[in-house]
Amino acid sequence: MRRGNEVYNGLELKQVNKTLARKLFSEGVTVYILPSNMRVNNAWTRPLDINKEMYDMSFDKIVNSFEYYNCNNKTGLYTHFLIENK
């Protein structure tokens, strides 16, 4: 996915870097994560929405777990972070 805006389930999502995603997560904003080679709207996977209220783990632990189970040579080796563009 290239940096820019994507539409997912009626939400306009904007890609951000990990530092900003971590900051927004700690403020209670919902952050969407997705493997780097996957598009937002595809048939095999969809963005995972995370926020502080849903998980009792730290941001880094959530991302590390997501990358361990979802990132590989085909889907991408790292994670893209998206937020709702308001």
Protein backbone atom coordinates (compact mmCIF):
# COMPACT_ATOMS: atom_id res chain seq x y z
CA MET A 1 0.00 0.00 0.00
CA ARG A 2 1.30 3.41 -0.88
CA ARG A 3 0.96 6.34 1.47
CA GLY A 4 -2.31 8.07 0.87
CA ASN A 5 -5.97 7.67 1.62
CA GLU A 6 -7.88 4.39 1.22
CA VAL A 7 -11.57 3.73 1.81
CA TYR A 8 -12.47 0.76 4.01
CA ASN A 9 -16.08 0.04 5.12
CA GLY A 10 -17.04 3.65 4.53
CA LEU A 11 -14.06 4.99 6.52
CA GLU A 12 -11.35 7.00 4.86
CA LEU A 13 -8.05 5.70 6.25
CA LYS A 14 -4.69 7.44 6.14
CA GLN A 15 -1.34 5.69 6.56
CA VAL A 16 0.86 6.96 9.41
CA ASN A 17 4.21 5.93 10.84
CA LYS A 18 4.65 3.70 13.89
CA THR A 19 5.60 6.53 16.24
CA LEU A 20 2.40 8.47 15.54
CA ALA A 21 0.33 5.28 15.67
CA ARG A 22 1.79 4.47 19.11
CA LYS A 23 1.02 7.98 20.36
CA LEU A 24 -2.56 7.90 19.06
CA PHE A 25 -3.10 4.41 20.49
CA SER A 26 -2.03 5.64 23.94
CA GLU A 27 -4.53 8.52 23.58
CA GLY A 28 -7.34 6.04 22.92
CA VAL A 29 -7.69 6.47 19.15
CA THR A 30 -8.45 3.36 17.07
CA VAL A 31 -5.47 2.35 14.91
CA TYR A 32 -5.77 -0.12 12.04
CA ILE A 33 -2.86 -2.47 11.28
CA LEU A 34 -2.24 -4.43 8.10
CA PRO A 35 0.69 -6.42 6.60
CA SER A 36 2.77 -4.26 4.29
CA ASN A 37 2.05 -6.02 0.97
CA MET A 38 -1.71 -6.25 1.47
CA ARG A 39 -4.21 -3.71 0.23
CA VAL A 40 -6.94 -2.38 2.50
CA ASN A 41 -9.77 -3.84 0.38
CA ASN A 42 -8.90 -7.38 -0.63
CA ALA A 43 -10.46 -10.81 -0.39
CA TRP A 44 -7.92 -12.50 1.92
CA THR A 45 -7.32 -10.14 4.79
CA ARG A 46 -8.62 -6.95 6.29
CA PRO A 47 -7.16 -4.33 8.62
CA LEU A 48 -7.24 -5.20 12.31
CA ASP A 49 -8.58 -2.35 14.44
CA ILE A 50 -6.90 -1.94 17.80
CA ASN A 51 -7.43 0.49 20.67
CA LYS A 52 -6.64 0.60 24.39
CA GLU A 53 -10.11 -0.46 25.45
CA MET A 54 -10.05 -3.68 23.39
CA TYR A 55 -6.67 -5.02 24.54
CA ASP A 56 -4.95 -5.31 27.91
CA MET A 57 -1.52 -5.31 26.23
CA SER A 58 0.89 -2.59 25.21
CA PHE A 59 0.96 -1.27 21.65
CA ASP A 60 4.33 -2.90 20.93
CA LYS A 61 3.20 -6.30 22.22
CA ILE A 62 0.08 -6.18 20.02
CA VAL A 63 2.14 -5.23 16.95
CA ASN A 64 4.79 -7.88 17.65
CA SER A 65 2.12 -10.57 17.99
CA PHE A 66 0.40 -9.38 14.81
CA GLU A 67 3.67 -9.46 12.86
CA TYR A 68 4.58 -12.92 14.17
CA TYR A 69 1.31 -14.49 13.04
CA ASN A 70 0.41 -12.40 9.96
CA CYS A 71 3.57 -11.11 8.30
CA ASN A 72 5.61 -13.32 5.95
CA ASN A 73 7.25 -13.18 2.52
CA LYS A 74 3.93 -13.10 0.68
CA THR A 75 1.91 -10.69 2.84
CA GLY A 76 4.84 -8.46 3.75
CA LEU A 77 7.47 -8.56 6.47
CA TYR A 78 6.31 -5.56 8.47
CA THR A 79 3.15 -3.71 9.45
CA HIS A 80 1.44 -0.64 8.02
CA PHE A 81 -0.46 1.59 10.40
CA LEU A 82 -3.63 3.44 9.41
CA ILE A 83 -5.92 5.89 11.18
CA GLU A 84 -9.27 7.37 10.30
CA ASN A 85 -8.83 10.53 8.23
CA LYS A 86 -11.15 13.16 9.67
